[in-house]
Amino acid sequence: MSRLLDLLEEERRKLNQLGEASLKQAIPLWDNPEVQEQSRRVDELVARVGEMKARHNRVVR
């Protein structure tokens, strides 16, 4: 789980960097395919973390 959280944090950092660069270039975030793709990666990782936590909670109870 720790590895997954580390990966999520790294991907979030990348998303923030892409978003900042996009805004500096006056490109709306929704018009930047790189930002959108990175956002999807982050969303997928967030979902995986949520699933793992839910599984863990079921086992603990």
PDB file of N, CA and C in Angstrom:
ATOM      1  N   MET A   1       0.824  -1.190   0.000  1.00  0.00           N
ATOM      2  CA  MET A   1       0.000   0.000   0.000  1.00  0.00           C
ATOM      3  C   MET A   1       0.872   1.258   0.000  1.00  0.00           C
ATOM      4  N   SER A   2       1.970   1.194   0.740  1.00  0.00           N
ATOM      5  CA  SER A   2       2.870   2.339   0.807  1.00  0.00           C
ATOM      6  C   SER A   2       3.418   2.687  -0.573  1.00  0.00           C
ATOM      7  N   ARG A   3       3.742   1.666  -1.341  1.00  0.00           N
ATOM      8  CA  ARG A   3       4.267   1.886  -2.699  1.00  0.00           C
ATOM      9  C   ARG A   3       3.220   2.575  -3.574  1.00  0.00           C
ATOM     10  N   LEU A   4       1.970   2.149  -3.429  1.00  0.00           N
ATOM     11  CA  LEU A   4       0.878   2.739  -4.199  1.00  0.00           C
ATOM     12  C   LEU A   4       0.670   4.200  -3.803  1.00  0.00           C
ATOM     13  N   LEU A   5       0.760   4.496  -2.514  1.00  0.00           N
ATOM     14  CA  LEU A   5       0.608   5.879  -2.058  1.00  0.00           C
ATOM     15  C   LEU A   5       1.759   6.755  -2.557  1.00  0.00           C
ATOM     16  N   ASP A   6       2.962   6.186  -2.578  1.00  0.00           N
ATOM     17  CA  ASP A   6       4.116   6.923  -3.115  1.00  0.00           C
ATOM     18  C   ASP A   6       3.914   7.227  -4.597  1.00  0.00           C
ATOM     19  N   LEU A   7       3.422   6.235  -5.328  1.00  0.00           N
ATOM     20  CA  LEU A   7       3.162   6.424  -6.757  1.00  0.00           C
ATOM     21  C   LEU A   7       2.089   7.491  -6.965  1.00  0.00           C
ATOM     22  N   LEU A   8       1.043   7.450  -6.165  1.00  0.00           N
ATOM     23  CA  LEU A   8      -0.021   8.445  -6.257  1.00  0.00           C
ATOM     24  C   LEU A   8       0.540   9.840  -6.015  1.00  0.00           C
ATOM     25  N   GLU A   9       1.357   9.987  -5.005  1.00  0.00           N
ATOM     26  CA  GLU A   9       1.936  11.300  -4.702  1.00  0.00           C
ATOM     27  C   GLU A   9       2.812  11.791  -5.856  1.00  0.00           C
ATOM     28  N   GLU A  10       3.591  10.894  -6.443  1.00  0.00           N
ATOM     29  CA  GLU A  10       4.444  11.266  -7.584  1.00  0.00           C
ATOM     30  C   GLU A  10       3.592  11.713  -8.773  1.00  0.00           C
ATOM     31  N   GLU A  11       2.534  10.981  -9.053  1.00  0.00           N
ATOM     32  CA  GLU A  11       1.664  11.328 -10.179  1.00  0.00           C
ATOM     33  C   GLU A  11       0.915  12.641  -9.919  1.00  0.00           C
ATOM     34  N   ARG A  12       0.554  12.896  -8.669  1.00  0.00           N
ATOM     35  CA  ARG A  12      -0.086  14.174  -8.322  1.00  0.00           C
ATOM     36  C   ARG A  12       0.881  15.339  -8.546  1.00  0.00           C
ATOM     37  N   ARG A  13       2.153  15.126  -8.176  1.00  0.00           N
ATOM     38  CA  ARG A  13       3.159  16.173  -8.407  1.00  0.00           C
ATOM     39  C   ARG A  13       3.278  16.482  -9.903  1.00  0.00           C
ATOM     40  N   LYS A  14       3.312  15.424 -10.712  1.00  0.00           N
ATOM     41  CA  LYS A  14       3.397  15.616 -12.166  1.00  0.00           C
ATOM     42  C   LYS A  14       2.183  16.395 -12.672  1.00  0.00           C
ATOM     43  N   LEU A  15       1.006  16.037 -12.161  1.00  0.00           N
ATOM     44  CA  LEU A  15      -0.218  16.732 -12.575  1.00  0.00           C
ATOM     45  C   LEU A  15      -0.138  18.208 -12.204  1.00  0.00           C
ATOM     46  N   ASN A  16       0.310  18.506 -11.006  1.00  0.00           N
ATOM     47  CA  ASN A  16       0.434  19.899 -10.589  1.00  0.00           C
ATOM     48  C   ASN A  16       1.412  20.666 -11.469  1.00  0.00           C
ATOM     49  N   GLN A  17       2.536  20.038 -11.808  1.00  0.00           N
ATOM     50  CA  GLN A  17       3.520  20.694 -12.665  1.00  0.00           C
ATOM     51  C   GLN A  17       2.938  20.966 -14.047  1.00  0.00           C
ATOM     52  N   LEU A  18       2.250  19.974 -14.608  1.00  0.00           N
ATOM     53  CA  LEU A  18       1.636  20.172 -15.927  1.00  0.00           C
ATOM     54  C   LEU A  18       0.578  21.259 -15.874  1.00  0.00           C
ATOM     55  N   GLY A  19      -0.206  21.259 -14.807  1.00  0.00           N
ATOM     56  CA  GLY A  19      -1.250  22.270 -14.667  1.00  0.00           C
ATOM     57  C   GLY A  19      -0.677  23.667 -14.562  1.00  0.00           C
ATOM     58  N   GLU A  20       0.363  23.821 -13.757  1.00  0.00           N
ATOM     59  CA  GLU A  20       0.999  25.135 -13.623  1.00  0.00           C
ATOM     60  C   GLU A  20       1.584  25.602 -14.951  1.00  0.00           C
ATOM     61  N   ALA A  21       2.248  24.706 -15.663  1.00  0.00           N
ATOM     62  CA  ALA A  21       2.837  25.066 -16.957  1.00  0.00           C
ATOM     63  C   ALA A  21       1.748  25.457 -17.946  1.00  0.00           C
ATOM     64  N   SER A  22       0.653  24.734 -17.924  1.00  0.00           N
ATOM     65  CA  SER A  22      -0.454  25.020 -18.828  1.00  0.00           C
ATOM     66  C   SER A  22      -1.034  26.402 -18.541  1.00  0.00           C
ATOM     67  N   LEU A  23      -1.234  26.704 -17.275  1.00  0.00           N
ATOM     68  CA  LEU A  23      -1.797  28.007 -16.905  1.00  0.00           C
ATOM     69  C   LEU A  23      -0.839  29.147 -17.240  1.00  0.00           C
ATOM     70  N   LYS A  24       0.458  28.930 -17.064  1.00  0.00           N
ATOM     71  CA  LYS A  24       1.448  29.954 -17.413  1.00  0.00           C
ATOM     72  C   LYS A  24       1.414  30.263 -18.900  1.00  0.00           C
ATOM     73  N   GLN A  25       1.067  29.262 -19.712  1.00  0.00           N
ATOM     74  CA  GLN A  25       0.984  29.447 -21.158  1.00  0.00           C
ATOM     75  C   GLN A  25      -0.417  29.876 -21.591  1.00  0.00           C
ATOM     76  N   ALA A  26      -1.273  30.153 -20.602  1.00  0.00           N
ATOM     77  CA  ALA A  26      -2.658  30.580 -20.845  1.00  0.00           C
ATOM     78  C   ALA A  26      -3.463  29.531 -21.605  1.00  0.00           C
ATOM     79  N   ILE A  27      -3.149  28.261 -21.373  1.00  0.00           N
ATOM     80  CA  ILE A  27      -3.901  27.157 -21.974  1.00  0.00           C
ATOM     81  C   ILE A  27      -4.848  26.630 -20.901  1.00  0.00           C
ATOM     82  N   PRO A  28      -6.149  26.679 -21.140  1.00  0.00           N
ATOM     83  CA  PRO A  28      -7.084  26.142 -20.146  1.00  0.00           C
ATOM     84  C   PRO A  28      -6.793  24.665 -19.880  1.00  0.00           C
ATOM     85  N   LEU A  29      -6.932  24.264 -18.631  1.00  0.00           N
ATOM     86  CA  LEU A  29      -6.618  22.890 -18.246  1.00  0.00           C
ATOM     87  C   LEU A  29      -7.421  21.876 -19.042  1.00  0.00           C
ATOM     88  N   TRP A  30      -8.685  22.192 -19.325  1.00  0.00           N
ATOM     89  CA  TRP A  30      -9.543  21.249 -20.050  1.00  0.00           C
ATOM     90  C   TRP A  30      -9.170  21.145 -21.527  1.00  0.00           C
ATOM     91  N   ASP A  31      -8.371  22.089 -22.025  1.00  0.00           N
ATOM     92  CA  ASP A  31      -7.926  22.044 -23.423  1.00  0.00           C
ATOM     93  C   ASP A  31      -6.535  21.428 -23.587  1.00  0.00           C
ATOM     94  N   ASN A  32      -5.927  21.019 -22.496  1.00  0.00           N
ATOM     95  CA  ASN A  32      -4.580  20.472 -22.544  1.00  0.00           C
ATOM     96  C   ASN A  32      -4.653  18.946 -22.401  1.00  0.00           C
ATOM     97  N   PRO A  33      -4.404  18.220 -23.496  1.00  0.00           N
ATOM     98  CA  PRO A  33      -4.516  16.759 -23.440  1.00  0.00           C
ATOM     99  C   PRO A  33      -3.537  16.105 -22.459  1.00  0.00           C
ATOM    100  N   GLU A  34      -2.359  16.693 -22.269  1.00  0.00           N
ATOM    101  CA  GLU A  34      -1.398  16.131 -21.316  1.00  0.00           C
ATOM    102  C   GLU A  34      -1.940  16.215 -19.890  1.00  0.00           C
ATOM    103  N   VAL A  35      -2.536  17.345 -19.562  1.00  0.00           N
ATOM    104  CA  VAL A  35      -3.120  17.517 -18.229  1.00  0.00           C
ATOM    105  C   VAL A  35      -4.275  16.540 -18.047  1.00  0.00           C
ATOM    106  N   GLN A  36      -5.099  16.397 -19.056  1.00  0.00           N
ATOM    107  CA  GLN A  36      -6.239  15.490 -18.956  1.00  0.00           C
ATOM    108  C   GLN A  36      -5.796  14.041 -18.774  1.00  0.00           C
ATOM    109  N   GLU A  37      -4.787  13.629 -19.510  1.00  0.00           N
ATOM    110  CA  GLU A  37      -4.280  12.256 -19.396  1.00  0.00           C
ATOM    111  C   GLU A  37      -3.683  12.015 -18.003  1.00  0.00           C
ATOM    112  N   GLN A  38      -2.914  12.965 -17.520  1.00  0.00           N
ATOM    113  CA  GLN A  38      -2.314  12.826 -16.191  1.00  0.00           C
ATOM    114  C   GLN A  38      -3.402  12.813 -15.122  1.00  0.00           C
ATOM    115  N   SER A  39      -4.428  13.604 -15.315  1.00  0.00           N
ATOM    116  CA  SER A  39      -5.547  13.629 -14.378  1.00  0.00           C
ATOM    117  C   SER A  39      -6.236  12.263 -14.326  1.00  0.00           C
ATOM    118  N   ARG A  40      -6.374  11.620 -15.481  1.00  0.00           N
ATOM    119  CA  ARG A  40      -6.964  10.275 -15.510  1.00  0.00           C
ATOM    120  C   ARG A  40      -6.098   9.278 -14.738  1.00  0.00           C
ATOM    121  N   ARG A  41      -4.771   9.389 -14.894  1.00  0.00           N
ATOM    122  CA  ARG A  41      -3.865   8.501 -14.153  1.00  0.00           C
ATOM    123  C   ARG A  41      -4.051   8.680 -12.644  1.00  0.00           C
ATOM    124  N   VAL A  42      -4.116   9.933 -12.219  1.00  0.00           N
ATOM    125  CA  VAL A  42      -4.299  10.215 -10.792  1.00  0.00           C
ATOM    126  C   VAL A  42      -5.646   9.674 -10.325  1.00  0.00           C
ATOM    127  N   ASP A  43      -6.691   9.883 -11.115  1.00  0.00           N
ATOM    128  CA  ASP A  43      -8.019   9.370 -10.750  1.00  0.00           C
ATOM    129  C   ASP A  43      -8.004   7.853 -10.589  1.00  0.00           C
ATOM    130  N   GLU A  44      -7.329   7.165 -11.492  1.00  0.00           N
ATOM    131  CA  GLU A  44      -7.247   5.699 -11.411  1.00  0.00           C
ATOM    132  C   GLU A  44      -6.526   5.253 -10.141  1.00  0.00           C
ATOM    133  N   LEU A  45      -5.447   5.955  -9.802  1.00  0.00           N
ATOM    134  CA  LEU A  45      -4.707   5.599  -8.590  1.00  0.00           C
ATOM    135  C   LEU A  45      -5.525   5.887  -7.338  1.00  0.00           C
ATOM    136  N   VAL A  46      -6.245   6.991  -7.330  1.00  0.00           N
ATOM    137  CA  VAL A  46      -7.112   7.317  -6.188  1.00  0.00           C
ATOM    138  C   VAL A  46      -8.157   6.215  -6.012  1.00  0.00           C
ATOM    139  N   ALA A  47      -8.723   5.750  -7.115  1.00  0.00           N
ATOM    140  CA  ALA A  47      -9.717   4.682  -7.047  1.00  0.00           C
ATOM    141  C   ALA A  47      -9.093   3.394  -6.502  1.00  0.00           C
ATOM    142  N   ARG A  48      -7.877   3.076  -6.947  1.00  0.00           N
ATOM    143  CA  ARG A  48      -7.199   1.864  -6.459  1.00  0.00           C
ATOM    144  C   ARG A  48      -6.915   1.953  -4.963  1.00  0.00           C
ATOM    145  N   VAL A  49      -6.485   3.119  -4.504  1.00  0.00           N
ATOM    146  CA  VAL A  49      -6.230   3.305  -3.071  1.00  0.00           C
ATOM    147  C   VAL A  49      -7.533   3.130  -2.294  1.00  0.00           C
ATOM    148  N   GLY A  50      -8.609   3.697  -2.807  1.00  0.00           N
ATOM    149  CA  GLY A  50      -9.904   3.559  -2.152  1.00  0.00           C
ATOM    150  C   GLY A  50     -10.349   2.111  -2.069  1.00  0.00           C
ATOM    151  N   GLU A  51     -10.140   1.366  -3.143  1.00  0.00           N
ATOM    152  CA  GLU A  51     -10.499  -0.058  -3.152  1.00  0.00           C
ATOM    153  C   GLU A  51      -9.668  -0.837  -2.130  1.00  0.00           C
ATOM    154  N   MET A  52      -8.375  -0.533  -2.074  1.00  0.00           N
ATOM    155  CA  MET A  52      -7.511  -1.233  -1.124  1.00  0.00           C
ATOM    156  C   MET A  52      -7.923  -0.928   0.311  1.00  0.00           C
ATOM    157  N   LYS A  53      -8.245   0.324   0.593  1.00  0.00           N
ATOM    158  CA  LYS A  53      -8.676   0.691   1.939  1.00  0.00           C
ATOM    159  C   LYS A  53      -9.986   0.006   2.292  1.00  0.00           C
ATOM    160  N   ALA A  54     -10.903  -0.066   1.334  1.00  0.00           N
ATOM    161  CA  ALA A  54     -12.187  -0.725   1.580  1.00  0.00           C
ATOM    162  C   ALA A  54     -11.967  -2.208   1.872  1.00  0.00           C
ATOM    163  N   ARG A  55     -11.093  -2.855   1.096  1.00  0.00           N
ATOM    164  CA  ARG A  55     -10.787  -4.269   1.331  1.00  0.00           C
ATOM    165  C   ARG A  55     -10.169  -4.471   2.708  1.00  0.00           C
ATOM    166  N   HIS A  56      -9.262  -3.584   3.058  1.00  0.00           N
ATOM    167  CA  HIS A  56      -8.596  -3.668   4.353  1.00  0.00           C
ATOM    168  C   HIS A  56      -9.610  -3.517   5.493  1.00  0.00           C
ATOM    169  N   ASN A  57     -10.531  -2.575   5.354  1.00  0.00           N
ATOM    170  CA  ASN A  57     -11.546  -2.361   6.379  1.00  0.00           C
ATOM    171  C   ASN A  57     -12.453  -3.567   6.535  1.00  0.00           C
ATOM    172  N   ARG A  58     -12.768  -4.231   5.431  1.00  0.00           N
ATOM    173  CA  ARG A  58     -13.618  -5.434   5.506  1.00  0.00           C
ATOM    174  C   ARG A  58     -12.898  -6.561   6.225  1.00  0.00           C
ATOM    175  N   VAL A  59     -11.593  -6.694   5.991  1.00  0.00           N
ATOM    176  CA  VAL A  59     -10.809  -7.748   6.615  1.00  0.00           C
ATOM    177  C   VAL A  59     -10.670  -7.479   8.116  1.00  0.00           C
ATOM    178  N   VAL A  60     -10.449  -6.233   8.467  1.00  0.00           N
ATOM    179  CA  VAL A  60     -10.239  -5.856   9.866  1.00  0.00           C
ATOM    180  C   VAL A  60     -11.498  -6.072  10.671  1.00  0.00           C
ATOM    181  N   ARG A  61     -12.637  -5.786  10.096  1.00  0.00           N
ATOM    182  CA  ARG A  61     -13.893  -5.920  10.827  1.00  0.00           C
ATOM    183  C   ARG A  61     -14.219  -7.342  10.897  1.00  0.00           C
TER     184      ARG A  61
END
